[in-house]
Amino acid sequence: MGITKRLELDVEFKSALESKTKILSAVTEVTDGQAESGIAATDVLLARNKGP
């Protein structure tokens, strides 16, 4: 059993590869409200801190 299930967390892991030609941006997904958090380079934290 994984840690997310053990802790009863509702987690969905989403690949950045939407298709062979399209890569999703963690920054865009978070700032557009499509995700609550994203894992990427520091650009996610810097963009979130900067605001809209």
N, C-alpha and C. Protein backbone atom coordinates (compact mmCIF):
# COMPACT_ATOMS: atom_id res chain seq x y z
N MET A 1 0.85 -1.16 0.00
CA MET A 1 0.00 0.00 0.00
C MET A 1 0.90 1.23 0.00
N GLY A 2 0.59 2.19 -0.87
CA GLY A 2 1.38 3.41 -0.97
C GLY A 2 1.06 4.39 0.14
N ILE A 3 1.94 5.34 0.32
CA ILE A 3 1.78 6.30 1.40
C ILE A 3 0.52 7.15 1.23
N THR A 4 0.17 7.50 -0.01
CA THR A 4 -1.03 8.34 -0.20
C THR A 4 -2.29 7.59 0.19
N LYS A 5 -2.31 6.30 -0.06
CA LYS A 5 -3.48 5.51 0.32
C LYS A 5 -3.51 5.30 1.83
N ARG A 6 -2.34 5.03 2.41
CA ARG A 6 -2.26 4.82 3.86
C ARG A 6 -2.71 6.06 4.63
N LEU A 7 -2.36 7.24 4.11
CA LEU A 7 -2.73 8.48 4.78
C LEU A 7 -4.08 9.01 4.30
N GLU A 8 -4.74 8.23 3.46
CA GLU A 8 -6.06 8.58 2.92
C GLU A 8 -6.04 9.93 2.20
N LEU A 9 -4.99 10.16 1.42
CA LEU A 9 -4.88 11.38 0.64
C LEU A 9 -5.48 11.16 -0.74
N ASP A 10 -6.20 12.14 -1.22
CA ASP A 10 -6.79 12.07 -2.56
C ASP A 10 -5.81 12.74 -3.52
N VAL A 11 -4.95 11.92 -4.12
CA VAL A 11 -3.87 12.43 -4.96
C VAL A 11 -4.01 11.85 -6.36
N GLU A 12 -3.83 12.72 -7.35
CA GLU A 12 -3.81 12.28 -8.74
C GLU A 12 -2.49 12.73 -9.35
N PHE A 13 -1.74 11.80 -9.87
CA PHE A 13 -0.49 12.12 -10.55
C PHE A 13 -0.79 12.25 -12.03
N LYS A 14 -0.36 13.36 -12.60
CA LYS A 14 -0.66 13.66 -13.99
C LYS A 14 0.65 13.85 -14.74
N SER A 15 0.78 13.17 -15.85
CA SER A 15 1.98 13.30 -16.66
C SER A 15 2.01 14.65 -17.36
N ALA A 16 3.20 15.19 -17.52
CA ALA A 16 3.35 16.44 -18.27
C ALA A 16 3.21 16.20 -19.77
N LEU A 17 3.33 14.96 -20.19
CA LEU A 17 3.22 14.63 -21.61
C LEU A 17 1.75 14.38 -21.95
N GLU A 18 1.13 15.37 -22.58
CA GLU A 18 -0.27 15.23 -22.97
C GLU A 18 -0.39 14.45 -24.28
N SER A 19 0.57 14.63 -25.15
CA SER A 19 0.64 13.88 -26.40
C SER A 19 2.10 13.87 -26.84
N LYS A 20 2.38 13.30 -27.98
CA LYS A 20 3.77 13.25 -28.45
C LYS A 20 4.31 14.64 -28.76
N THR A 21 3.41 15.59 -29.00
CA THR A 21 3.85 16.92 -29.39
C THR A 21 3.51 18.01 -28.37
N LYS A 22 2.78 17.68 -27.31
CA LYS A 22 2.38 18.69 -26.34
C LYS A 22 2.82 18.32 -24.93
N ILE A 23 3.55 19.25 -24.31
CA ILE A 23 4.01 19.07 -22.94
C ILE A 23 3.33 20.13 -22.08
N LEU A 24 2.68 19.68 -21.01
CA LEU A 24 2.00 20.60 -20.10
C LEU A 24 3.00 21.33 -19.22
N SER A 25 2.70 22.56 -18.88
CA SER A 25 3.52 23.35 -17.98
C SER A 25 2.93 23.26 -16.57
N ALA A 26 3.74 22.85 -15.61
CA ALA A 26 3.27 22.78 -14.22
C ALA A 26 2.83 24.16 -13.75
N VAL A 27 3.53 25.20 -14.16
CA VAL A 27 3.18 26.57 -13.77
C VAL A 27 1.79 26.92 -14.29
N THR A 28 1.53 26.65 -15.55
CA THR A 28 0.24 26.97 -16.15
C THR A 28 -0.88 26.16 -15.51
N GLU A 29 -0.64 24.89 -15.25
CA GLU A 29 -1.65 24.04 -14.64
C GLU A 29 -2.05 24.57 -13.26
N VAL A 30 -1.07 25.02 -12.47
CA VAL A 30 -1.35 25.54 -11.12
C VAL A 30 -2.01 26.92 -11.20
N THR A 31 -1.44 27.83 -11.99
CA THR A 31 -1.98 29.19 -12.04
C THR A 31 -3.36 29.25 -12.70
N ASP A 32 -3.65 28.31 -13.60
CA ASP A 32 -4.98 28.25 -14.23
C ASP A 32 -6.00 27.51 -13.39
N GLY A 33 -5.58 26.97 -12.25
CA GLY A 33 -6.50 26.27 -11.37
C GLY A 33 -6.78 24.82 -11.77
N GLN A 34 -6.00 24.28 -12.69
CA GLN A 34 -6.18 22.89 -13.11
C GLN A 34 -5.52 21.92 -12.14
N ALA A 35 -4.63 22.44 -11.29
CA ALA A 35 -3.94 21.62 -10.29
C ALA A 35 -3.72 22.47 -9.05
N GLU A 36 -3.68 21.81 -7.89
CA GLU A 36 -3.43 22.52 -6.64
C GLU A 36 -1.95 22.70 -6.39
N SER A 37 -1.14 21.82 -6.95
CA SER A 37 0.31 21.93 -6.83
C SER A 37 0.95 21.27 -8.03
N GLY A 38 2.20 21.59 -8.24
CA GLY A 38 2.91 21.01 -9.37
C GLY A 38 4.35 20.76 -8.99
N ILE A 39 4.94 19.78 -9.62
CA ILE A 39 6.34 19.48 -9.39
C ILE A 39 7.09 19.82 -10.66
N ALA A 40 8.04 20.70 -10.51
CA ALA A 40 8.85 21.14 -11.64
C ALA A 40 10.11 21.77 -11.06
N ALA A 41 10.75 22.57 -11.86
CA ALA A 41 11.89 23.32 -11.36
C ALA A 41 11.36 24.46 -10.49
N THR A 42 12.19 25.32 -10.07
CA THR A 42 11.78 26.40 -9.19
C THR A 42 10.81 27.37 -9.84
N ASP A 43 10.59 27.24 -11.16
CA ASP A 43 9.69 28.16 -11.84
C ASP A 43 8.28 28.13 -11.26
N VAL A 44 7.84 26.99 -10.74
CA VAL A 44 6.50 26.90 -10.15
C VAL A 44 6.42 27.78 -8.91
N LEU A 45 7.39 27.68 -8.03
CA LEU A 45 7.38 28.48 -6.81
C LEU A 45 7.55 29.97 -7.10
N LEU A 46 8.43 30.29 -8.02
CA LEU A 46 8.66 31.70 -8.36
C LEU A 46 7.43 32.32 -9.00
N ALA A 47 6.77 31.60 -9.90
CA ALA A 47 5.57 32.12 -10.56
C ALA A 47 4.44 32.27 -9.57
N ARG A 48 4.28 31.32 -8.67
CA ARG A 48 3.20 31.39 -7.68
C ARG A 48 3.42 32.58 -6.74
N ASN A 49 4.67 32.80 -6.35
CA ASN A 49 4.99 33.90 -5.47
C ASN A 49 4.79 35.26 -6.15
N LYS A 50 5.04 35.29 -7.45
CA LYS A 50 4.91 36.54 -8.23
C LYS A 50 3.44 36.96 -8.36
N GLY A 51 2.53 36.00 -8.42
CA GLY A 51 1.12 36.30 -8.56
C GLY A 51 0.72 36.48 -10.01
N PRO A 52 -0.59 36.77 -10.24
CA PRO A 52 -1.10 36.89 -11.61
C PRO A 52 -0.55 38.09 -12.35
